Amino acid sequence: MRPFFTKEQTKSDKITKIPQSCASCGLSKKAKHGRMKPWGKFGKKILIVGEAPTRKDDRMQKAWTGSQGDLIKSYFKKAGVHLFRDTMTTYACLCLIPKDKKPEEKELSCCRKRVFKLIKKIKPKLIFLVGSAAVQSVIGKSWKKGLGGMERWRGFTIPDRELKIWLCPIFSPKYVETRDIWKKVNLAEVIWLQDIKRALGKIDEKIKFTDEKKYITFIESDKHFKSILPRLLRADLMSFDYESTGLKPHAKGHQITNTAATIGPKECYSWMNNEYRNRLFKKVLESKRVKKSAHNLAFEDSWSTEILKAEIQNWFWDTMVTAHILDNRKGISGLKFQTYVNFGVADYDSHVSPYLKSGDENGANTMNDILRFIKQYGEEPIKTYCGLDSIYGYGLTLLQMELVKTF
């Protein structure tokens, strides 16, 4: 029996920054009818982005012909959707690719602008991204951290903030129809139908966004910090985050540069650390009343022990561990990924992340460049970044608590 996921499904995709055009691609000249036009009446405002038209699609100027078309029509019908009347189909690569090969990045880059122009024009409620090329085309425009394979993305219903549309990656019918049968069942088909139905459940749910930055209060003085200490000590739940000079705190010279603590959906405090604030925050950490949450709590716990000399009491939740328990696929438990698939924020760390990487001359205890970042850009960007990590961690904690109740 073949593996459930192929190498093609798990490879990383790189997004080029070089703008492309139809002239530089040349595929439109090889196709019988040039670029494929959008297909479908769009009755339920569902857009489907496929990978590329087949030879039969190009010849008939119609999407989803052949056995793959029959399969996707059948499964959308099972989910209550008529493929022609209710949806509109376009492609990540709008032209036929010789020998029905998978689109390459250059070809996707040439068509990306046209795909987004259509999205802006028709304003769908929900977009199915059918296959990894569709994910690479749409999500790859804003996700800067390496996409990974289709198995990483399938099944999520993403409230993308840039597009203000639900993005729903699902396997391509070509992938589904070639899977092995196990005990008379094609497991890929079972997952496929589940993913389609889950996505359709969002079609009438409006996406609500807020600017989380406005909920971050910067602590500018020791006096200010002392004034908010009672609020921290009275909190029922606190999600907190550190920015530090490395991954592990044991080498000489390491320090926690700043901290952010969120104690409510709209209440976050972010400050630069010093000895006085460390001493006061230690009281919060050692309070048995305040429930604590963090993303990969081992990090905050070790830095608290080593730098603040605090033994944290009442650890309550680890959002990274819970993400792994809820879905144990590889590459999805990181805070940035969880923030995107749950809250639609694709990139809020690209300005600082290069400075958080350490060399390997001293292993995990190697110093990073965060102090250079603060010196170059000031305190506000790092306090904002730390605050957002804390806010999204808090929101993820609440979301996961509800999901766990359904088990």
Protein backbone atom coordinates (compact mmCIF):
# COMPACT_ATOMS: atom_id res chain seq x y z
CA MET A 1 0.00 0.00 0.00
CA ARG A 2 1.38 3.42 -0.97
CA PRO A 3 1.95 6.14 1.66
CA PHE A 4 -1.10 8.33 2.24
CA PHE A 5 0.88 11.51 1.47
CA THR A 6 3.35 11.74 -1.41
CA LYS A 7 6.60 13.72 -1.54
CA GLU A 8 4.77 16.16 -3.78
CA GLN A 9 2.32 16.83 -0.97
CA THR A 10 4.97 17.64 1.60
CA LYS A 11 7.53 19.68 -0.31
CA SER A 12 8.11 23.38 0.37
CA ASP A 13 7.14 26.01 -2.19
CA LYS A 14 9.15 29.18 -2.71
CA ILE A 15 7.39 32.36 -3.77
CA THR A 16 9.27 34.54 -6.22
CA LYS A 17 9.20 38.31 -5.82
CA ILE A 18 9.89 38.93 -9.52
CA PRO A 19 6.77 40.22 -11.32
CA GLN A 20 5.78 38.13 -14.34
CA SER A 21 3.45 38.58 -17.31
CA CYS A 22 1.73 36.50 -19.97
CA ALA A 23 4.43 37.53 -22.46
CA SER A 24 7.20 36.15 -20.24
CA CYS A 25 5.27 32.90 -19.67
CA GLY A 26 4.14 32.06 -23.20
CA LEU A 27 1.63 29.35 -22.26
CA SER A 28 -1.32 31.28 -23.73
CA LYS A 29 0.18 30.88 -27.18
CA LYS A 30 0.32 27.10 -26.82
CA ALA A 31 -3.24 26.66 -25.53
CA LYS A 32 -6.01 26.12 -28.08
CA HIS A 33 -8.11 29.00 -26.72
CA GLY A 34 -5.59 30.93 -24.62
CA ARG A 35 -6.43 31.82 -21.03
CA MET A 36 -9.38 29.94 -19.53
CA LYS A 37 -12.29 32.23 -18.67
CA PRO A 38 -14.14 31.90 -15.34
CA TRP A 39 -16.76 29.15 -15.48
CA GLY A 40 -20.00 28.89 -13.48
CA LYS A 41 -22.99 31.02 -12.52
CA PHE A 42 -21.72 31.79 -9.00
CA GLY A 43 -25.18 31.49 -7.41
CA LYS A 44 -23.91 30.95 -3.86
CA LYS A 45 -20.88 33.23 -4.24
CA ILE A 46 -18.42 30.35 -3.94
CA LEU A 47 -15.19 30.66 -5.90
CA ILE A 48 -13.12 27.59 -6.72
CA VAL A 49 -9.47 28.07 -7.61
CA GLY A 50 -8.13 24.96 -9.32
CA GLU A 51 -4.54 24.28 -10.29
CA ALA A 52 -4.70 24.44 -14.12
CA PRO A 53 -7.11 23.43 -16.91
CA THR A 54 -6.68 20.01 -18.51
CA ARG A 55 -6.44 19.43 -22.26
CA LYS A 56 -10.14 18.57 -22.35
CA ASP A 57 -11.00 21.68 -20.32
CA ASP A 58 -9.04 23.80 -22.80
CA ARG A 59 -10.66 22.13 -25.80
CA MET A 60 -14.22 22.50 -24.46
CA GLN A 61 -13.61 25.85 -22.68
CA LYS A 62 -15.30 24.41 -19.64
CA ALA A 63 -13.98 23.62 -16.16
CA TRP A 64 -13.96 20.20 -14.53
CA THR A 65 -14.39 17.94 -17.55
CA GLY A 66 -13.32 14.30 -17.46
CA SER A 67 -13.13 11.95 -14.49
CA GLN A 68 -11.72 14.58 -12.10
CA GLY A 69 -14.65 16.84 -12.92
CA ASP A 70 -17.13 14.02 -12.33
CA LEU A 71 -15.55 13.39 -8.93
CA ILE A 72 -15.62 16.99 -7.71
CA LYS A 73 -19.17 17.51 -9.04
CA SER A 74 -20.31 14.38 -7.21
CA TYR A 75 -18.79 15.37 -3.87
CA PHE A 76 -19.96 18.96 -4.01
CA LYS A 77 -23.44 17.63 -4.77
CA LYS A 78 -23.23 15.45 -1.65
CA ALA A 79 -22.46 18.65 0.27
CA GLY A 80 -25.50 20.42 -1.24
CA VAL A 81 -23.73 22.48 -3.91
CA HIS A 82 -24.29 22.40 -7.67
CA LEU A 83 -20.89 22.98 -9.21
CA PHE A 84 -22.08 25.05 -12.23
CA ARG A 85 -25.02 26.95 -10.74
CA ASP A 86 -23.61 27.70 -7.30
CA THR A 87 -19.89 28.23 -7.89
CA MET A 88 -17.43 29.89 -10.22
CA THR A 89 -14.14 28.24 -11.18
CA THR A 90 -10.87 29.85 -12.13
CA TYR A 91 -7.33 28.52 -12.04
CA ALA A 92 -4.03 29.34 -10.39
CA CYS A 93 -2.56 28.90 -13.87
CA LEU A 94 -5.16 30.00 -16.43
CA CYS A 95 -3.63 28.26 -19.44
CA LEU A 96 -3.17 24.64 -20.41
CA ILE A 97 0.24 23.31 -19.39
CA PRO A 98 1.78 20.81 -21.85
CA LYS A 99 1.29 17.18 -20.80
CA ASP A 100 -1.03 18.35 -18.00
CA LYS A 101 1.93 19.02 -15.74
CA LYS A 102 1.62 20.79 -12.40
CA PRO A 103 2.11 24.60 -12.60
CA GLU A 104 5.53 25.93 -11.68
CA GLU A 105 6.11 29.10 -9.66
CA LYS A 106 6.90 31.18 -12.75
CA GLU A 107 3.56 30.22 -14.29
CA LEU A 108 1.69 30.90 -11.04
CA SER A 109 3.38 34.27 -10.71
CA CYS A 110 2.26 35.25 -14.21
CA CYS A 111 -1.40 34.49 -13.38
CA ARG A 112 -1.50 35.62 -9.73
CA LYS A 113 -2.48 39.19 -10.55
CA ARG A 114 -5.41 38.00 -12.69
CA VAL A 115 -6.62 35.64 -9.96
CA PHE A 116 -6.67 38.45 -7.39
CA LYS A 117 -8.30 40.83 -9.86
CA LEU A 118 -11.16 38.34 -10.27
CA ILE A 119 -11.47 37.91 -6.48
CA LYS A 120 -11.67 41.68 -6.02
CA LYS A 121 -14.26 41.99 -8.80
CA ILE A 122 -16.72 39.24 -7.81
CA LYS A 123 -16.24 39.39 -4.01
CA PRO A 124 -16.87 35.72 -3.13
CA LYS A 125 -17.99 34.68 0.34
CA LEU A 126 -15.73 31.66 0.34
CA ILE A 127 -12.85 30.37 -1.80
CA PHE A 128 -11.96 26.70 -2.21
CA LEU A 129 -8.26 26.33 -2.97
CA VAL A 130 -8.17 23.00 -4.79
CA GLY A 131 -4.65 21.59 -4.75
CA SER A 132 -1.24 22.88 -3.72
CA ALA A 133 -0.81 25.20 -6.73
CA ALA A 134 -3.98 27.05 -5.74
CA VAL A 135 -2.69 27.39 -2.17
CA GLN A 136 0.64 28.62 -3.51
CA SER A 137 -1.09 31.19 -5.71
CA VAL A 138 -3.49 32.69 -3.15
CA ILE A 139 -2.07 32.05 0.32
CA GLY A 140 1.50 32.28 -0.96
CA LYS A 141 1.00 35.94 -1.79
CA SER A 142 0.91 36.92 1.89
CA TRP A 143 2.37 33.92 3.77
CA LYS A 144 6.13 34.52 3.83
CA LYS A 145 7.42 31.63 5.92
CA GLY A 146 7.47 28.70 3.49
CA LEU A 147 4.20 27.07 2.54
CA GLY A 148 5.00 23.42 2.96
CA GLY A 149 2.81 20.80 1.34
CA MET A 150 -0.92 20.52 0.78
CA GLU A 151 -1.34 18.15 3.71
CA ARG A 152 -0.32 21.03 5.99
CA TRP A 153 -3.16 23.27 4.77
CA ARG A 154 -6.10 21.05 3.88
CA GLY A 155 -9.13 21.24 6.10
CA PHE A 156 -8.57 24.71 7.57
CA THR A 157 -11.15 27.45 7.11
CA ILE A 158 -9.05 30.60 7.20
CA PRO A 159 -10.62 34.05 7.80
CA ASP A 160 -8.02 35.85 5.66
CA ARG A 161 -7.81 39.48 6.78
CA GLU A 162 -6.26 40.83 3.61
CA LEU A 163 -8.99 39.42 1.37
CA LYS A 164 -11.77 39.41 4.02
CA ILE A 165 -12.83 36.03 2.65
CA TRP A 166 -12.83 32.47 3.99
CA LEU A 167 -10.02 30.47 2.37
CA CYS A 168 -10.58 26.71 2.36
CA PRO A 169 -7.76 24.51 1.03
CA ILE A 170 -8.80 21.01 -0.09
CA PHE A 171 -7.12 18.19 -1.99
CA SER A 172 -7.35 18.18 -5.79
CA PRO A 173 -9.64 15.55 -7.33
CA LYS A 174 -6.60 14.15 -9.17
CA TYR A 175 -4.95 13.43 -5.84
CA VAL A 176 -8.11 11.93 -4.35
CA GLU A 177 -8.90 9.59 -7.23
CA THR A 178 -5.39 8.10 -7.23
CA ARG A 179 -5.32 7.11 -3.55
CA ASP A 180 -5.33 3.45 -2.56
CA ILE A 181 -8.44 1.75 -1.22
CA TRP A 182 -8.17 0.54 2.38
CA LYS A 183 -10.82 -1.95 3.49
CA LYS A 184 -12.99 -0.90 0.53
CA VAL A 185 -12.72 2.79 1.54
CA ASN A 186 -10.76 5.61 -0.08
CA LEU A 187 -9.72 7.53 3.03
CA ALA A 188 -8.81 10.59 0.96
CA GLU A 189 -12.42 10.78 -0.27
CA VAL A 190 -13.71 10.63 3.31
CA ILE A 191 -11.41 13.48 4.36
CA TRP A 192 -12.25 15.42 1.20
CA LEU A 193 -15.99 15.38 1.86
CA GLN A 194 -15.46 16.34 5.51
CA ASP A 195 -13.28 19.28 4.46
CA ILE A 196 -15.82 20.46 1.86
CA LYS A 197 -18.72 20.31 4.33
CA ARG A 198 -16.70 22.04 7.06
CA ALA A 199 -15.85 24.87 4.70
CA LEU A 200 -19.44 25.30 3.49
CA GLY A 201 -20.51 25.70 7.11
CA LYS A 202 -18.73 29.08 7.08
CA ILE A 203 -20.41 30.52 4.00
CA ASP A 204 -22.95 32.65 5.86
CA GLU A 205 -20.63 33.52 8.75
CA LYS A 206 -19.30 37.03 8.43
CA ILE A 207 -15.64 37.59 9.16
CA LYS A 208 -15.13 40.12 11.96
CA PHE A 209 -11.79 41.80 12.35
CA THR A 210 -10.31 44.11 14.91
CA ASP A 211 -7.02 45.95 15.23
CA GLU A 212 -5.38 44.15 18.14
CA LYS A 213 -2.66 46.79 18.40
CA LYS A 214 -5.12 49.22 19.98
CA TYR A 215 -5.54 46.83 22.92
CA ILE A 216 -1.84 46.96 23.81
CA THR A 217 -0.89 49.38 26.59
CA PHE A 218 2.80 50.25 26.68
CA ILE A 219 4.27 50.47 30.17
CA GLU A 220 6.59 53.49 30.05
CA SER A 221 7.75 53.81 33.68
CA ASP A 222 8.22 51.85 36.87
CA LYS A 223 5.45 53.89 38.45
CA HIS A 224 3.10 52.91 35.63
CA PHE A 225 4.06 49.27 36.01
CA LYS A 226 3.38 49.36 39.75
CA SER A 227 -0.06 50.84 39.07
CA ILE A 228 -1.13 47.93 36.83
CA LEU A 229 0.31 45.23 39.12
CA PRO A 230 -2.98 44.82 41.07
CA ARG A 231 -4.82 44.17 37.79
CA LEU A 232 -2.36 41.45 36.89
CA LEU A 233 -2.67 39.88 40.34
CA ARG A 234 -6.50 39.87 40.12
CA ALA A 235 -6.59 38.30 36.66
CA ASP A 236 -8.32 34.96 36.25
CA LEU A 237 -6.28 34.00 33.18
CA MET A 238 -3.03 35.52 31.92
CA SER A 239 -1.35 34.68 28.62
CA PHE A 240 2.18 36.03 28.58
CA ASP A 241 5.14 36.12 26.24
CA TYR A 242 8.84 36.93 26.52
CA GLU A 243 11.26 38.31 23.97
CA SER A 244 14.78 37.34 24.94
CA THR A 245 18.35 37.27 23.72
CA GLY A 246 18.27 33.58 22.73
CA LEU A 247 16.43 30.28 22.84
CA LYS A 248 17.87 29.09 26.15
CA PRO A 249 18.86 31.30 29.08
CA HIS A 250 21.90 29.54 30.51
CA ALA A 251 24.82 31.36 28.87
CA LYS A 252 26.33 34.40 30.51
CA GLY A 253 24.79 37.72 29.47
CA HIS A 254 21.35 36.45 28.49
CA GLN A 255 18.34 38.56 29.43
CA ILE A 256 14.61 38.91 28.92
CA THR A 257 14.35 42.14 26.93
CA ASN A 258 10.61 42.62 27.20
CA THR A 259 7.38 41.00 28.37
CA ALA A 260 3.74 41.19 27.38
CA ALA A 261 0.80 39.94 29.45
CA THR A 262 -2.79 39.70 28.25
CA ILE A 263 -5.49 39.34 30.90
CA GLY A 264 -8.60 39.88 28.78
CA PRO A 265 -9.63 39.89 25.11
CA LYS A 266 -8.99 43.65 24.96
CA GLU A 267 -6.44 44.14 27.74
CA CYS A 268 -2.73 43.65 27.10
CA TYR A 269 0.29 45.25 28.76
CA SER A 270 3.75 45.29 27.19
CA TRP A 271 6.95 46.55 28.79
CA MET A 272 10.72 46.54 28.59
CA ASN A 273 12.23 44.53 31.42
CA ASN A 274 14.39 45.85 34.23
CA GLU A 275 15.21 44.59 37.71
CA TYR A 276 12.35 46.47 39.39
CA ARG A 277 9.68 45.23 36.97
CA ASN A 278 11.12 41.73 37.06
CA ARG A 279 10.80 41.69 40.84
CA LEU A 280 7.16 42.81 40.72
CA PHE A 281 6.21 40.48 37.86
CA LYS A 282 7.71 37.59 39.79
CA LYS A 283 4.84 38.06 42.30
CA VAL A 284 2.33 37.53 39.48
CA LEU A 285 4.14 34.44 38.22
CA GLU A 286 4.21 32.90 41.69
CA SER A 287 0.58 33.74 42.43
CA LYS A 288 -1.48 30.58 42.77
CA ARG A 289 -4.62 32.52 41.93
CA VAL A 290 -3.69 33.59 38.38
CA LYS A 291 -3.95 30.86 35.74
CA LYS A 292 -1.06 31.08 33.27
CA SER A 293 -0.98 30.28 29.58
CA ALA A 294 1.80 30.46 27.00
CA HIS A 295 2.69 29.05 23.60
CA ASN A 296 5.35 26.44 24.36
CA LEU A 297 5.37 27.16 28.08
CA ALA A 298 8.72 25.41 28.51
CA PHE A 299 10.35 28.53 27.04
CA GLU A 300 8.70 31.00 29.43
CA ASP A 301 9.15 28.61 32.33
CA SER A 302 12.91 28.16 31.83
CA TRP A 303 13.55 31.89 31.32
CA SER A 304 11.45 32.73 34.40
CA THR A 305 13.41 30.24 36.48
CA GLU A 306 16.85 31.28 35.27
CA ILE A 307 16.49 35.07 34.87
CA LEU A 308 13.66 36.05 37.24
CA LYS A 309 14.36 33.29 39.80
CA ALA A 310 10.63 32.62 39.77
CA GLU A 311 8.89 29.27 40.21
CA ILE A 312 5.72 29.73 38.18
CA GLN A 313 2.56 28.59 39.94
CA ASN A 314 -0.71 27.47 38.33
CA TRP A 315 0.39 26.72 34.80
CA PHE A 316 -2.99 26.24 33.12
CA TRP A 317 -2.61 25.98 29.35
CA ASP A 318 -0.01 25.46 26.63
CA THR A 319 -1.46 26.50 23.26
CA MET A 320 1.30 24.77 21.27
CA VAL A 321 0.80 21.42 22.98
CA THR A 322 -2.99 21.72 22.67
CA ALA A 323 -2.69 22.58 18.97
CA HIS A 324 -0.72 19.37 18.53
CA ILE A 325 -3.29 17.37 20.48
CA LEU A 326 -6.17 18.78 18.41
CA ASP A 327 -4.38 18.12 15.12
CA ASN A 328 -1.05 16.28 15.05
CA ARG A 329 -0.06 17.13 11.50
CA LYS A 330 3.51 18.30 11.04
CA GLY A 331 4.23 22.02 10.82
CA ILE A 332 0.96 23.45 12.12
CA SER A 333 1.47 23.96 15.87
CA GLY A 334 3.56 27.16 15.69
CA LEU A 335 1.97 30.36 16.96
CA LYS A 336 2.31 32.21 13.64
CA PHE A 337 0.63 29.39 11.71
CA GLN A 338 -2.12 29.03 14.31
CA THR A 339 -2.66 32.79 14.29
CA TYR A 340 -3.14 32.78 10.52
CA VAL A 341 -5.47 29.78 10.21
CA ASN A 342 -7.60 30.88 13.19
CA PHE A 343 -7.46 34.69 13.10
CA GLY A 344 -6.42 35.41 9.51
CA VAL A 345 -3.23 37.36 10.30
CA ALA A 346 -0.60 36.18 7.83
CA ASP A 347 2.41 38.32 8.68
CA TYR A 348 3.17 40.46 11.71
CA ASP A 349 6.71 39.30 12.46
CA SER A 350 8.74 39.59 9.25
CA HIS A 351 10.38 42.83 10.43
CA VAL A 352 11.72 41.27 13.64
CA SER A 353 12.09 37.53 12.96
CA PRO A 354 15.56 37.78 11.31
CA TYR A 355 16.88 39.32 14.53
CA LEU A 356 15.51 36.49 16.67
CA LYS A 357 17.56 33.82 14.93
CA SER A 358 20.70 32.62 16.66
CA GLY A 359 23.87 31.12 15.27
CA ASP A 360 25.03 27.68 16.34
CA GLU A 361 28.45 28.37 17.84
CA ASN A 362 27.04 27.90 21.35
CA GLY A 363 24.05 25.71 20.55
CA ALA A 364 20.65 26.87 21.78
CA ASN A 365 22.35 29.26 24.24
CA THR A 366 23.77 31.43 21.42
CA MET A 367 22.87 35.11 21.54
CA ASN A 368 20.57 36.52 18.87
CA ASP A 369 20.40 40.10 17.51
CA ILE A 370 17.34 41.40 19.36
CA LEU A 371 19.36 44.05 21.19
CA ARG A 372 20.62 45.34 17.85
CA PHE A 373 17.03 45.49 16.60
CA ILE A 374 15.96 47.54 19.64
CA LYS A 375 18.93 49.87 19.25
CA GLN A 376 18.18 50.38 15.56
CA TYR A 377 14.38 50.66 15.61
CA GLY A 378 13.54 51.64 19.17
CA GLU A 379 11.37 49.97 21.79
CA GLU A 380 7.90 50.39 20.27
CA PRO A 381 8.18 47.79 17.45
CA ILE A 382 9.38 45.04 19.78
CA LYS A 383 6.78 45.90 22.44
CA THR A 384 4.09 45.77 19.77
CA TYR A 385 5.32 42.45 18.43
CA CYS A 386 5.53 40.91 21.90
CA GLY A 387 2.07 42.28 22.72
CA LEU A 388 0.55 40.73 19.60
CA ASP A 389 2.11 37.35 20.44
CA SER A 390 0.50 37.59 23.86
CA ILE A 391 -2.91 38.68 22.53
CA TYR A 392 -3.05 35.94 19.89
CA GLY A 393 -1.91 33.43 22.50
CA TYR A 394 -4.77 34.52 24.77
CA GLY A 395 -7.31 34.28 21.95
CA LEU A 396 -5.98 30.87 20.97
CA THR A 397 -6.30 29.69 24.57
CA LEU A 398 -9.99 30.65 24.67
CA LEU A 399 -10.62 29.08 21.26
CA GLN A 400 -8.90 25.83 22.20
CA MET A 401 -10.77 25.63 25.50
CA GLU A 402 -14.04 25.60 23.54
CA LEU A 403 -12.76 23.04 21.06
CA VAL A 404 -11.58 20.70 23.81
CA LYS A 405 -15.09 20.75 25.31
CA THR A 406 -16.41 19.12 22.09
CA PHE A 407 -14.18 16.06 22.51
